[in-house]
C-alpha atoms as a PDB file:
ATOM      1  CA  MET A   1     129.744 103.843 136.504  1.00  0.00           C
ATOM      2  CA  ALA A   2     126.583 103.995 134.658  1.00  0.00           C
ATOM      3  CA  THR A   3     123.994 101.570 135.775  1.00  0.00           C
ATOM      4  CA  PRO A   4     122.515  98.979 133.507  1.00  0.00           C
ATOM      5  CA  ALA A   5     119.221 100.933 133.784  1.00  0.00           C
ATOM      6  CA  ALA A   6     120.404 104.334 132.603  1.00  0.00           C
ATOM      7  CA  ILE A   7     122.992 102.014 129.861  1.00  0.00           C
ATOM      8  CA  SER A   8     119.405 100.674 128.358  1.00  0.00           C
ATOM      9  CA  SER A   9     117.508 104.073 128.590  1.00  0.00           C
ATOM     10  CA  ALA A  10     120.486 105.357 126.494  1.00  0.00           C
ATOM     11  CA  ILE A  11     120.404 102.922 123.538  1.00  0.00           C
ATOM     12  CA  LEU A  12     116.555 103.396 123.208  1.00  0.00           C
ATOM     13  CA  LEU A  13     116.600 107.253 123.107  1.00  0.00           C
ATOM     14  CA  LEU A  14     119.701 106.343 120.339  1.00  0.00           C
ATOM     15  CA  LEU A  15     117.469 104.027 118.817  1.00  0.00           C
ATOM     16  CA  PHE A  16     114.902 106.353 118.587  1.00  0.00           C
ATOM     17  CA  SER A  17     116.721 109.189 117.503  1.00  0.00           C
ATOM     18  CA  PHE A  18     118.015 107.353 114.638  1.00  0.00           C
ATOM     19  CA  SER A  19     114.444 105.815 113.483  1.00  0.00           C
ATOM     20  CA  LEU A  20     113.465 109.922 113.281  1.00  0.00           C
ATOM     21  CA  THR A  21     116.820 110.659 111.381  1.00  0.00           C
ATOM     22  CA  ALA A  22     116.382 107.931 109.126  1.00  0.00           C
ATOM     23  CA  GLY A  23     112.979 108.262 107.855  1.00  0.00           C
ATOM     24  CA  ALA A  24     109.911 107.837 110.166  1.00  0.00           C
ATOM     25  CA  ARG A  25     107.453 106.467 107.923  1.00  0.00           C
ATOM     26  CA  GLY A  26     108.114 103.146 105.642  1.00  0.00           C
ATOM     27  CA  ALA A  27     105.733 101.573 102.717  1.00  0.00           C
ATOM     28  CA  THR A  28     103.515  98.881 101.662  1.00  0.00           C
ATOM     29  CA  PHE A  29     103.653  97.068  98.213  1.00  0.00           C
ATOM     30  CA  THR A  30     101.546  94.554  96.827  1.00  0.00           C
ATOM     31  CA  VAL A  31     103.595  92.763  94.067  1.00  0.00           C
ATOM     32  CA  MET A  32     101.432  91.068  91.737  1.00  0.00           C
ATOM     33  CA  ASN A  33     101.796  88.532  88.401  1.00  0.00           C
ATOM     34  CA  PHE A  34      99.680  88.692  85.735  1.00  0.00           C
ATOM     35  CA  CYS A  35     102.702  86.663  83.408  1.00  0.00           C
ATOM     36  CA  PRO A  36     101.609  83.422  82.381  1.00  0.00           C
ATOM     37  CA  PHE A  37     104.035  81.920  83.653  1.00  0.00           C
ATOM     38  CA  VAL A  38     105.736  81.604  86.867  1.00  0.00           C
ATOM     39  CA  VAL A  39     108.331  84.410  88.529  1.00  0.00           C
ATOM     40  CA  TYR A  40     110.360  84.935  90.900  1.00  0.00           C
ATOM     41  CA  PRO A  41     109.722  88.652  93.144  1.00  0.00           C
ATOM     42  CA  ALA A  42     113.150  90.080  94.532  1.00  0.00           C
ATOM     43  CA  ALA A  43     113.150  93.216  95.957  1.00  0.00           C
ATOM     44  CA  ILE A  44     116.193  95.203  98.162  1.00  0.00           C
ATOM     45  CA  PRO A  45     116.704  95.793 100.673  1.00  0.00           C
ATOM     46  CA  VAL A  46     113.933  92.837 101.827  1.00  0.00           C
ATOM     47  CA  GLY A  47     114.660  90.040  99.606  1.00  0.00           C
ATOM     48  CA  TRP A  48     112.430  87.490  98.586  1.00  0.00           C
ATOM     49  CA  GLY A  49     113.189  85.084 101.760  1.00  0.00           C
ATOM     50  CA  ALA A  50     114.377  81.367 101.045  1.00  0.00           C
ATOM     51  CA  GLU A  51     111.576  80.508 103.739  1.00  0.00           C
ATOM     52  CA  ILE A  52     108.875  81.062 101.467  1.00  0.00           C
ATOM     53  CA  GLY A  53     110.624  78.682  98.716  1.00  0.00           C
ATOM     54  CA  THR A  54     108.129  79.510  95.980  1.00  0.00           C
ATOM     55  CA  GLY A  55     107.436  81.942  93.239  1.00  0.00           C
ATOM     56  CA  LEU A  56     104.368  83.984  91.904  1.00  0.00           C
ATOM     57  CA  GLY A  57     101.826  81.979  89.692  1.00  0.00           C
ATOM     58  CA  ILE A  58      99.608  83.938  86.966  1.00  0.00           C
ATOM     59  CA  GLY A  59      96.932  86.096  89.908  1.00  0.00           C
ATOM     60  CA  GLN A  60      99.128  85.916  93.007  1.00  0.00           C
ATOM     61  CA  ALA A  61     100.404  88.531  94.870  1.00  0.00           C
ATOM     62  CA  TRP A  62     103.365  89.313  97.381  1.00  0.00           C
ATOM     63  CA  ASN A  63     102.664  91.723  99.975  1.00  0.00           C
ATOM     64  CA  LEU A  64     105.917  93.950 101.634  1.00  0.00           C
ATOM     65  CA  ALA A  65     106.362  95.887 104.061  1.00  0.00           C
ATOM     66  CA  VAL A  66     109.494  97.966 104.149  1.00  0.00           C
ATOM     67  CA  PRO A  67     110.393  99.391 108.065  1.00  0.00           C
ATOM     68  CA  ALA A  68     110.916 102.881 108.639  1.00  0.00           C
ATOM     69  CA  GLY A  69     113.996 103.921 108.100  1.00  0.00           C
ATOM     70  CA  ALA A  70     114.857 102.749 104.555  1.00  0.00           C
ATOM     71  CA  SER A  71     116.023 104.819 101.903  1.00  0.00           C
ATOM     72  CA  SER A  72     115.141 103.076  98.785  1.00  0.00           C
ATOM     73  CA  VAL A  73     113.770 100.108  97.455  1.00  0.00           C
ATOM     74  CA  ARG A  74     114.193  98.324  94.408  1.00  0.00           C
ATOM     75  CA  ILE A  75     111.440  95.400  93.161  1.00  0.00           C
ATOM     76  CA  TRP A  76     112.063  93.018  89.943  1.00  0.00           C
ATOM     77  CA  ALA A  77     110.692  89.612  88.145  1.00  0.00           C
ATOM     78  CA  ARG A  78     113.439  86.679  88.018  1.00  0.00           C
ATOM     79  CA  THR A  79     111.827  84.169  84.777  1.00  0.00           C
ATOM     80  CA  ASN A  80     112.381  80.747  84.096  1.00  0.00           C
ATOM     81  CA  CYS A  81     114.050  79.577  87.123  1.00  0.00           C
ATOM     82  CA  THR A  82     114.787  76.919  88.681  1.00  0.00           C
ATOM     83  CA  PHE A  83     115.789  76.131  92.703  1.00  0.00           C
ATOM     84  CA  ASP A  84     116.793  73.566  95.164  1.00  0.00           C
ATOM     85  CA  PRO A  85     114.159  73.818  98.016  1.00  0.00           C
ATOM     86  CA  ALA A  86     116.667  72.009 100.443  1.00  0.00           C
ATOM     87  CA  THR A  87     119.424  74.478  99.776  1.00  0.00           C
ATOM     88  CA  GLY A  88     118.134  77.480  98.222  1.00  0.00           C
ATOM     89  CA  ARG A  89     120.224  77.789  94.941  1.00  0.00           C
ATOM     90  CA  GLY A  90     119.334  77.510  91.598  1.00  0.00           C
ATOM     91  CA  SER A  91     119.332  79.738  88.390  1.00  0.00           C
ATOM     92  CA  CYS A  92     117.077  82.169  86.757  1.00  0.00           C
ATOM     93  CA  GLY A  93     116.841  82.539  82.756  1.00  0.00           C
ATOM     94  CA  THR A  94     116.820  86.565  83.565  1.00  0.00           C
ATOM     95  CA  SER A  95     117.650  88.835  86.591  1.00  0.00           C
ATOM     96  CA  ASP A  96     119.596  85.898  88.422  1.00  0.00           C
ATOM     97  CA  CYS A  97     120.756  86.566  91.527  1.00  0.00           C
ATOM     98  CA  ASP A  98     124.288  85.030  91.287  1.00  0.00           C
ATOM     99  CA  GLY A  99     121.908  81.512  91.985  1.00  0.00           C
ATOM    100  CA  ALA A 100     120.603  82.688  95.047  1.00  0.00           C
ATOM    101  CA  LEU A 101     116.927  82.165  96.139  1.00  0.00           C
ATOM    102  CA  ARG A 102     117.359  85.236  98.485  1.00  0.00           C
ATOM    103  CA  CYS A 103     118.284  88.682  96.181  1.00  0.00           C
ATOM    104  CA  ASP A 104     120.879  90.538  98.156  1.00  0.00           C
ATOM    105  CA  ASP A 105     121.754  93.274  95.622  1.00  0.00           C
ATOM    106  CA  TYR A 106     122.687  91.546  92.658  1.00  0.00           C
ATOM    107  CA  ARG A 107     120.952  91.239  89.452  1.00  0.00           C
ATOM    108  CA  LYS A 108     122.548  90.043  86.090  1.00  0.00           C
ATOM    109  CA  PRO A 109     120.604  91.976  83.072  1.00  0.00           C
ATOM    110  CA  PRO A 110     118.636  91.980  81.816  1.00  0.00           C
ATOM    111  CA  VAL A 111     116.174  93.341  84.244  1.00  0.00           C
ATOM    112  CA  THR A 112     113.055  95.999  84.442  1.00  0.00           C
ATOM    113  CA  GLN A 113     112.848  97.627  87.982  1.00  0.00           C
ATOM    114  CA  ALA A 114     110.757  99.347  89.782  1.00  0.00           C
ATOM    115  CA  GLU A 115     112.665 102.024  91.325  1.00  0.00           C
ATOM    116  CA  PHE A 116     111.276 104.084  95.183  1.00  0.00           C
ATOM    117  CA  THR A 117     113.148 106.513  96.878  1.00  0.00           C
ATOM    118  CA  LEU A 118     111.718 107.032 100.469  1.00  0.00           C
ATOM    119  CA  GLY A 119     112.083 110.307 101.957  1.00  0.00           C
ATOM    120  CA  SER A 120     115.454 111.203 101.080  1.00  0.00           C
ATOM    121  CA  SER A 121     116.911 114.661  99.587  1.00  0.00           C
ATOM    122  CA  GLY A 122     115.704 115.898  96.535  1.00  0.00           C
ATOM    123  CA  SER A 123     112.091 114.346  97.600  1.00  0.00           C
ATOM    124  CA  ALA A 124     109.249 116.544  98.590  1.00  0.00           C
ATOM    125  CA  PRO A 125     108.883 116.296 102.452  1.00  0.00           C
ATOM    126  CA  ASP A 126     105.521 114.848 101.998  1.00  0.00           C
ATOM    127  CA  SER A 127     105.968 112.378  99.315  1.00  0.00           C
ATOM    128  CA  TYR A 128     107.826 110.033  97.513  1.00  0.00           C
ATOM    129  CA  ASN A 129     109.608 108.812  94.410  1.00  0.00           C
ATOM    130  CA  TYR A 130     109.176 106.086  91.883  1.00  0.00           C
ATOM    131  CA  SER A 131     110.136 105.051  88.933  1.00  0.00           C
ATOM    132  CA  ILE A 132     110.424 102.417  85.946  1.00  0.00           C
ATOM    133  CA  SER A 133     113.754 101.544  84.667  1.00  0.00           C
ATOM    134  CA  LEU A 134     115.455 100.088  81.587  1.00  0.00           C
ATOM    135  CA  VAL A 135     118.895 100.898  82.762  1.00  0.00           C
ATOM    136  CA  ASP A 136     119.942  97.602  82.887  1.00  0.00           C
ATOM    137  CA  GLY A 137     117.621  96.156  80.596  1.00  0.00           C
ATOM    138  CA  PHE A 138     113.638  94.523  79.368  1.00  0.00           C
ATOM    139  CA  ASN A 139     112.632  91.413  81.020  1.00  0.00           C
ATOM    140  CA  VAL A 140     109.420  91.712  81.819  1.00  0.00           C
ATOM    141  CA  PRO A 141     106.280  94.274  81.331  1.00  0.00           C
ATOM    142  CA  MET A 142     106.003  96.543  84.685  1.00  0.00           C
ATOM    143  CA  GLY A 143     103.245  98.697  85.780  1.00  0.00           C
ATOM    144  CA  ILE A 144     102.874 100.563  89.050  1.00  0.00           C
ATOM    145  CA  LEU A 145      99.986 102.506  90.711  1.00  0.00           C
ATOM    146  CA  CYS A 146     100.370 104.957  93.716  1.00  0.00           C
ATOM    147  CA  ARG A 147      97.948 104.469  95.996  1.00  0.00           C
ATOM    148  CA  ALA A 148      97.579 107.687  97.375  1.00  0.00           C
ATOM    149  CA  ARG A 149      97.378 110.005  94.054  1.00  0.00           C
ATOM    150  CA  GLY A 150      93.949 110.838  93.334  1.00  0.00           C
ATOM    151  CA  ASP A 151      95.099 110.616  89.247  1.00  0.00           C
ATOM    152  CA  GLY A 152      95.909 106.883  90.652  1.00  0.00           C
ATOM    153  CA  GLY A 153      99.544 107.675  89.374  1.00  0.00           C
ATOM    154  CA  PHE A 154     100.094 104.974  87.356  1.00  0.00           C
ATOM    155  CA  LEU A 155     103.095 104.017  85.174  1.00  0.00           C
ATOM    156  CA  THR A 156     103.072 101.043  82.483  1.00  0.00           C
ATOM    157  CA  CYS A 157     106.244  99.828  80.353  1.00  0.00           C
ATOM    158  CA  TYR A 158     104.836  97.090  78.172  1.00  0.00           C
ATOM    159  CA  ASP A 159     107.741  96.780  75.575  1.00  0.00           C
ATOM    160  CA  PRO A 160     111.664  97.892  75.548  1.00  0.00           C
ATOM    161  CA  ASP A 161     110.979 101.082  73.715  1.00  0.00           C
ATOM    162  CA  CYS A 162     108.343 102.424  76.170  1.00  0.00           C
ATOM    163  CA  CYS A 163     108.654 105.722  76.515  1.00  0.00           C
ATOM    164  CA  VAL A 164     108.056 106.413  80.251  1.00  0.00           C
ATOM    165  CA  ALA A 165     111.188 104.138  81.668  1.00  0.00           C
ATOM    166  CA  SER A 166     114.595 105.599  82.556  1.00  0.00           C
ATOM    167  CA  HIS A 167     117.001 104.444  79.730  1.00  0.00           C
ATOM    168  CA  ARG A 168     119.668 106.325  81.195  1.00  0.00           C
ATOM    169  CA  ALA A 169     120.932 106.847  84.811  1.00  0.00           C
ATOM    170  CA  GLY A 170     119.986 110.120  86.152  1.00  0.00           C
ATOM    171  CA  ASP A 171     117.457 110.966  83.296  1.00  0.00           C
ATOM    172  CA  GLY A 172     114.768 112.144  85.441  1.00  0.00           C
ATOM    173  CA  LYS A 173     112.014 110.301  84.953  1.00  0.00           C
ATOM    174  CA  ARG A 174     110.666 109.954  88.247  1.00  0.00           C
ATOM    175  CA  HIS A 175     107.169 110.012  89.530  1.00  0.00           C
ATOM    176  CA  THR A 176     105.778 111.505  93.404  1.00  0.00           C
ATOM    177  CA  CYS A 177     103.502 109.736  95.311  1.00  0.00           C
ATOM    178  CA  PRO A 178     101.862 111.502  98.659  1.00  0.00           C
ATOM    179  CA  PHE A 179     102.962 109.782 101.995  1.00  0.00           C
ATOM    180  CA  ASN A 180      99.856 107.431 102.500  1.00  0.00           C
ATOM    181  CA  ASP A 181      98.487 108.194 106.225  1.00  0.00           C
ATOM    182  CA  HIS A 182      95.512 105.834 106.151  1.00  0.00           C
ATOM    183  CA  ARG A 183      96.270 102.708 108.140  1.00  0.00           C
ATOM    184  CA  GLY A 184      94.200  99.795 109.208  1.00  0.00           C
ATOM    185  CA  ASP A 185      92.801  98.627 106.094  1.00  0.00           C
ATOM    186  CA  ASP A 186      93.915  98.349 102.741  1.00  0.00           C
ATOM    187  CA  SER A 187      94.027 101.495 101.814  1.00  0.00           C
ATOM    188  CA  ASN A 188      97.462 101.048 103.935  1.00  0.00           C
ATOM    189  CA  ILE A 189      98.957 100.103 100.395  1.00  0.00           C
ATOM    190  CA  ASP A 190     101.475 102.530  98.797  1.00  0.00           C
ATOM    191  CA  TYR A 191     101.805 101.209  96.099  1.00  0.00           C
ATOM    192  CA  GLU A 192     100.898  98.225  93.712  1.00  0.00           C
ATOM    193  CA  VAL A 193     103.717  96.744  91.505  1.00  0.00           C
ATOM    194  CA  ALA A 194     102.582  94.563  88.448  1.00  0.00           C
ATOM    195  CA  PHE A 195     104.229  92.230  86.157  1.00  0.00           C
ATOM    196  CA  CYS A 196     102.973  92.142  82.858  1.00  0.00           C
ATOM    197  CA  PRO A 197     100.008  94.702  83.628  1.00  0.00           C
ATOM    198  CA  PHE A 198      96.572  93.926  81.756  1.00  0.00           C
ATOM    199  CA  PRO A 199      96.257  95.787  78.409  1.00  0.00           C
ATOM    200  CA  SER A 200      92.943  97.198  80.533  1.00  0.00           C
ATOM    201  CA  TYR A 201      95.965  98.834  83.108  1.00  0.00           C
ATOM    202  CA  PRO A 202      96.123 102.443  82.211  1.00  0.00           C
ATOM    203  CA  GLU A 203      98.549 103.501  79.389  1.00  0.00           C
ATOM    204  CA  THR A 204     100.826 105.906  80.507  1.00  0.00           C
ATOM    205  CA  THR A 205     101.358 109.066  78.777  1.00  0.00           C
ATOM    206  CA  CYS A 206     105.171 110.973  78.491  1.00  0.00           C
ATOM    207  CA  VAL A 207     104.250 113.710  80.697  1.00  0.00           C
ATOM    208  CA  HIS A 208     106.077 113.347  84.146  1.00  0.00           C
ATOM    209  CA  ALA A 209     105.502 114.473  87.203  1.00  0.00           C
END
């Protein structure tokens, strides 16, 4: 019969092996709100915790760390929200998550989404993929910055007809972002996601990378 120590060692080895196969790198994000109104950001798979219980006012930011092993991330903004801090229940005018403060998956259209694929099949071995999706509609302007790209890797979408966004599933409007290995200061941020980016935020042309 195996000893407790042997069982513990086997479990640790299994967890270590899983972390390598599922993805050895995580990703970090700064989510900023420049809209002239409060937004409630949401993200899958990490959610927007009920313990926070507040939205983002203009100029406020949310720092988000996605652990190694996650294959994809979606980030979006909810608008015109009212929540009961005691129960975490309420509603939003756009992108509502079935009345929940913390979003598990469901989001009611219309919703502008930032989508990220973290080292899954189809990605270059040393990069992630990212895109802006309007497949489920448009509710706020959005910008994405890849910090590791020398050219900034900007994507900006100011209106429902913006040419850089995906309007249909699988239309291939994805960009690549190299892994960022400079950890230990604010260079460890892989991405910035901006709601209602300033007009000075670089406008994106329709050349896909």
